[in-house]
Amino acid sequence: YLPKVDRARRTLLFLGRLHPVKGVDQLLQCWLALQSSYPEWDLRIVGPDDTENAIALKGLAKRLGLERIQFEGPIYGDEKFHAYRHADL
């Protein structure tokens, strides 16, 4: 067990395929409603894009004017464990 490090920034992590059935577009809509109320939080979206849905998701994020959002490709093994370990939600 490793204790969590107290940080000023907090991370909401989505880690999974960026496929339309996963509802990441709905997550982005929720982030729009929450981002101004939780300025200490960042949204990190991580995963493979088998359907090229990431292009549409990035476009949606831009159109919505989302802030503090990061799109990343797939991660595996220790890197995946590290992402989960350092996420707050």
N, C-alpha and C. Protein backbone atom coordinates (compact mmCIF):
# COMPACT_ATOMS: atom_id res chain seq x y z
N TYR A 1 0.85 -1.19 0.00
CA TYR A 1 0.00 0.00 0.00
C TYR A 1 0.88 1.24 0.00
N LEU A 2 0.60 2.14 -0.93
CA LEU A 2 1.31 3.42 -0.99
C LEU A 2 0.32 4.53 -0.65
N PRO A 3 0.64 5.38 0.31
CA PRO A 3 -0.29 6.46 0.65
C PRO A 3 -0.39 7.47 -0.49
N LYS A 4 -1.57 8.05 -0.63
CA LYS A 4 -1.78 9.10 -1.64
C LYS A 4 -1.03 10.35 -1.22
N VAL A 5 -0.47 11.01 -2.19
CA VAL A 5 0.22 12.27 -1.94
C VAL A 5 -0.82 13.38 -2.01
N ASP A 6 -0.82 14.23 -1.01
CA ASP A 6 -1.74 15.37 -1.01
C ASP A 6 -1.26 16.38 -2.05
N ARG A 7 -2.11 16.67 -3.02
CA ARG A 7 -1.75 17.59 -4.09
C ARG A 7 -2.80 18.67 -4.22
N ALA A 8 -2.39 19.79 -4.76
CA ALA A 8 -3.34 20.87 -5.01
C ALA A 8 -4.24 20.53 -6.19
N ARG A 9 -3.73 19.81 -7.18
CA ARG A 9 -4.50 19.42 -8.36
C ARG A 9 -5.11 18.03 -8.12
N ARG A 10 -6.28 17.82 -8.66
CA ARG A 10 -6.95 16.52 -8.57
C ARG A 10 -7.23 16.04 -9.99
N THR A 11 -7.30 14.73 -10.16
CA THR A 11 -7.47 14.16 -11.50
C THR A 11 -8.67 13.23 -11.57
N LEU A 12 -9.53 13.51 -12.55
CA LEU A 12 -10.63 12.63 -12.91
C LEU A 12 -10.14 11.86 -14.14
N LEU A 13 -10.04 10.54 -14.02
CA LEU A 13 -9.45 9.71 -15.07
C LEU A 13 -10.51 8.86 -15.76
N PHE A 14 -10.53 8.94 -17.09
CA PHE A 14 -11.22 7.95 -17.91
C PHE A 14 -10.12 7.15 -18.58
N LEU A 15 -10.12 5.83 -18.36
CA LEU A 15 -9.13 4.97 -18.99
C LEU A 15 -9.88 3.82 -19.66
N GLY A 16 -9.91 3.84 -20.98
CA GLY A 16 -10.62 2.81 -21.73
C GLY A 16 -10.60 3.14 -23.22
N ARG A 17 -11.20 2.27 -24.00
CA ARG A 17 -11.27 2.53 -25.45
C ARG A 17 -12.08 3.80 -25.71
N LEU A 18 -11.66 4.57 -26.69
CA LEU A 18 -12.39 5.78 -27.05
C LEU A 18 -13.42 5.45 -28.13
N HIS A 19 -14.26 4.48 -27.82
CA HIS A 19 -15.30 4.01 -28.73
C HIS A 19 -16.60 4.73 -28.38
N PRO A 20 -17.45 5.02 -29.37
CA PRO A 20 -18.70 5.73 -29.08
C PRO A 20 -19.57 5.07 -28.01
N VAL A 21 -19.55 3.75 -27.90
CA VAL A 21 -20.40 3.08 -26.89
C VAL A 21 -19.94 3.36 -25.46
N LYS A 22 -18.74 3.87 -25.28
CA LYS A 22 -18.22 4.14 -23.94
C LYS A 22 -18.79 5.41 -23.33
N GLY A 23 -19.41 6.28 -24.14
CA GLY A 23 -20.06 7.47 -23.60
C GLY A 23 -19.13 8.60 -23.19
N VAL A 24 -17.96 8.66 -23.78
CA VAL A 24 -17.03 9.73 -23.43
C VAL A 24 -17.63 11.09 -23.82
N ASP A 25 -18.45 11.12 -24.87
CA ASP A 25 -19.12 12.37 -25.24
C ASP A 25 -20.01 12.86 -24.09
N GLN A 26 -20.66 11.95 -23.39
CA GLN A 26 -21.48 12.31 -22.24
C GLN A 26 -20.61 12.80 -21.09
N LEU A 27 -19.45 12.19 -20.92
CA LEU A 27 -18.51 12.65 -19.91
C LEU A 27 -18.09 14.09 -20.19
N LEU A 28 -17.86 14.41 -21.45
CA LEU A 28 -17.48 15.78 -21.82
C LEU A 28 -18.60 16.76 -21.51
N GLN A 29 -19.84 16.36 -21.75
CA GLN A 29 -20.98 17.22 -21.41
C GLN A 29 -21.05 17.45 -19.89
N CYS A 30 -20.80 16.41 -19.13
CA CYS A 30 -20.79 16.54 -17.67
C CYS A 30 -19.66 17.45 -17.22
N TRP A 31 -18.49 17.30 -17.86
CA TRP A 31 -17.34 18.14 -17.51
C TRP A 31 -17.68 19.62 -17.74
N LEU A 32 -18.42 19.90 -18.80
CA LEU A 32 -18.84 21.27 -19.08
C LEU A 32 -19.64 21.83 -17.90
N ALA A 33 -20.52 21.02 -17.35
CA ALA A 33 -21.35 21.46 -16.23
C ALA A 33 -20.57 21.60 -14.93
N LEU A 34 -19.47 20.86 -14.79
CA LEU A 34 -18.74 20.81 -13.53
C LEU A 34 -17.45 21.63 -13.48
N GLN A 35 -16.83 21.87 -14.63
CA GLN A 35 -15.48 22.42 -14.63
C GLN A 35 -15.35 23.75 -13.90
N SER A 36 -16.32 24.62 -13.99
CA SER A 36 -16.18 25.92 -13.32
C SER A 36 -16.38 25.82 -11.82
N SER A 37 -17.11 24.80 -11.36
CA SER A 37 -17.33 24.62 -9.92
C SER A 37 -16.18 23.90 -9.23
N TYR A 38 -15.33 23.25 -10.00
CA TYR A 38 -14.22 22.45 -9.45
C TYR A 38 -12.91 22.80 -10.16
N PRO A 39 -12.40 24.01 -9.96
CA PRO A 39 -11.21 24.45 -10.69
C PRO A 39 -9.93 23.70 -10.33
N GLU A 40 -9.95 22.95 -9.25
CA GLU A 40 -8.76 22.18 -8.85
C GLU A 40 -8.68 20.82 -9.54
N TRP A 41 -9.71 20.48 -10.32
CA TRP A 41 -9.78 19.18 -10.99
C TRP A 41 -9.37 19.28 -12.46
N ASP A 42 -8.71 18.23 -12.95
CA ASP A 42 -8.34 18.07 -14.35
C ASP A 42 -8.97 16.78 -14.85
N LEU A 43 -9.38 16.77 -16.12
CA LEU A 43 -9.93 15.57 -16.75
C LEU A 43 -8.88 14.97 -17.66
N ARG A 44 -8.55 13.72 -17.43
CA ARG A 44 -7.56 12.99 -18.22
C ARG A 44 -8.26 11.83 -18.92
N ILE A 45 -8.26 11.84 -20.24
CA ILE A 45 -8.90 10.80 -21.04
C ILE A 45 -7.80 10.00 -21.73
N VAL A 46 -7.72 8.72 -21.39
CA VAL A 46 -6.61 7.87 -21.84
C VAL A 46 -7.17 6.60 -22.47
N GLY A 47 -6.66 6.25 -23.64
CA GLY A 47 -7.06 4.98 -24.21
C GLY A 47 -6.86 4.91 -25.71
N PRO A 48 -6.94 3.70 -26.24
CA PRO A 48 -6.79 3.51 -27.69
C PRO A 48 -8.02 4.01 -28.44
N ASP A 49 -7.80 4.42 -29.65
CA ASP A 49 -8.87 4.97 -30.49
C ASP A 49 -9.01 4.10 -31.73
N ASP A 50 -9.70 2.99 -31.61
CA ASP A 50 -9.86 2.03 -32.71
C ASP A 50 -10.77 2.55 -33.82
N THR A 51 -11.62 3.51 -33.52
CA THR A 51 -12.62 3.97 -34.50
C THR A 51 -12.39 5.42 -34.94
N GLU A 52 -11.27 6.00 -34.56
CA GLU A 52 -10.98 7.41 -34.83
C GLU A 52 -12.00 8.34 -34.18
N ASN A 53 -12.60 7.90 -33.08
CA ASN A 53 -13.56 8.70 -32.33
C ASN A 53 -12.88 9.83 -31.59
N ALA A 54 -11.59 9.71 -31.32
CA ALA A 54 -10.88 10.76 -30.58
C ALA A 54 -10.94 12.09 -31.33
N ILE A 55 -10.92 12.06 -32.64
CA ILE A 55 -11.00 13.29 -33.44
C ILE A 55 -12.32 14.00 -33.14
N ALA A 56 -13.41 13.25 -33.14
CA ALA A 56 -14.72 13.82 -32.84
C ALA A 56 -14.78 14.31 -31.40
N LEU A 57 -14.21 13.55 -30.47
CA LEU A 57 -14.23 13.96 -29.06
C LEU A 57 -13.42 15.23 -28.82
N LYS A 58 -12.27 15.33 -29.46
CA LYS A 58 -11.46 16.54 -29.32
C LYS A 58 -12.18 17.74 -29.93
N GLY A 59 -12.87 17.53 -31.04
CA GLY A 59 -13.66 18.59 -31.65
C GLY A 59 -14.79 19.04 -30.74
N LEU A 60 -15.47 18.08 -30.12
CA LEU A 60 -16.54 18.40 -29.19
C LEU A 60 -15.99 19.19 -28.00
N ALA A 61 -14.87 18.75 -27.46
CA ALA A 61 -14.26 19.45 -26.32
C ALA A 61 -13.93 20.90 -26.69
N LYS A 62 -13.44 21.09 -27.90
CA LYS A 62 -13.11 22.45 -28.35
C LYS A 62 -14.38 23.29 -28.52
N ARG A 63 -15.40 22.72 -29.16
CA ARG A 63 -16.67 23.45 -29.36
C ARG A 63 -17.32 23.82 -28.03
N LEU A 64 -17.21 22.95 -27.04
CA LEU A 64 -17.79 23.21 -25.73
C LEU A 64 -16.95 24.18 -24.90
N GLY A 65 -15.73 24.44 -25.34
CA GLY A 65 -14.84 25.33 -24.60
C GLY A 65 -14.34 24.71 -23.31
N LEU A 66 -14.10 23.39 -23.34
CA LEU A 66 -13.67 22.69 -22.13
C LEU A 66 -12.26 23.08 -21.75
N GLU A 67 -12.04 23.14 -20.45
CA GLU A 67 -10.74 23.51 -19.90
C GLU A 67 -10.19 22.35 -19.09
N ARG A 68 -8.89 22.36 -18.91
CA ARG A 68 -8.20 21.38 -18.06
C ARG A 68 -8.54 19.94 -18.46
N ILE A 69 -8.46 19.69 -19.75
CA ILE A 69 -8.74 18.35 -20.28
C ILE A 69 -7.55 17.91 -21.12
N GLN A 70 -7.22 16.63 -20.98
CA GLN A 70 -6.05 16.08 -21.67
C GLN A 70 -6.44 14.76 -22.32
N PHE A 71 -6.18 14.62 -23.61
CA PHE A 71 -6.40 13.37 -24.33
C PHE A 71 -5.05 12.70 -24.52
N GLU A 72 -4.99 11.42 -24.23
CA GLU A 72 -3.75 10.65 -24.38
C GLU A 72 -4.07 9.33 -25.09
N GLY A 73 -3.07 8.75 -25.67
CA GLY A 73 -3.21 7.45 -26.30
C GLY A 73 -3.24 6.34 -25.26
N PRO A 74 -3.16 5.09 -25.71
CA PRO A 74 -3.23 3.96 -24.79
C PRO A 74 -1.98 3.86 -23.91
N ILE A 75 -2.18 3.32 -22.74
CA ILE A 75 -1.08 3.00 -21.83
C ILE A 75 -1.28 1.58 -21.31
N TYR A 76 -0.19 0.94 -20.92
CA TYR A 76 -0.24 -0.46 -20.52
C TYR A 76 0.68 -0.71 -19.32
N GLY A 77 0.50 -1.85 -18.69
CA GLY A 77 1.39 -2.31 -17.63
C GLY A 77 1.54 -1.34 -16.49
N ASP A 78 2.79 -1.08 -16.11
CA ASP A 78 3.08 -0.21 -14.97
C ASP A 78 2.54 1.20 -15.18
N GLU A 79 2.58 1.65 -16.42
CA GLU A 79 2.08 3.00 -16.71
C GLU A 79 0.58 3.09 -16.43
N LYS A 80 -0.15 2.03 -16.74
CA LYS A 80 -1.59 1.99 -16.47
C LYS A 80 -1.83 1.97 -14.95
N PHE A 81 -1.08 1.16 -14.23
CA PHE A 81 -1.20 1.11 -12.77
C PHE A 81 -0.92 2.50 -12.19
N HIS A 82 0.11 3.15 -12.69
CA HIS A 82 0.48 4.49 -12.20
C HIS A 82 -0.66 5.48 -12.43
N ALA A 83 -1.31 5.42 -13.59
CA ALA A 83 -2.43 6.32 -13.90
C ALA A 83 -3.57 6.12 -12.91
N TYR A 84 -3.93 4.87 -12.66
CA TYR A 84 -4.99 4.58 -11.68
C TYR A 84 -4.59 5.05 -10.28
N ARG A 85 -3.36 4.78 -9.93
CA ARG A 85 -2.88 5.11 -8.59
C ARG A 85 -2.89 6.61 -8.33
N HIS A 86 -2.61 7.41 -9.36
CA HIS A 86 -2.54 8.84 -9.18
C HIS A 86 -3.82 9.59 -9.52
N ALA A 87 -4.84 8.86 -9.94
CA ALA A 87 -6.13 9.48 -10.18
C ALA A 87 -6.89 9.60 -8.86
N ASP A 88 -7.68 10.65 -8.75
CA ASP A 88 -8.51 10.84 -7.56
C ASP A 88 -9.90 10.28 -7.76
N LEU A 89 -10.30 10.17 -9.01
CA LEU A 89 -11.64 9.65 -9.33
C LEU A 89 -11.60 9.01 -10.70
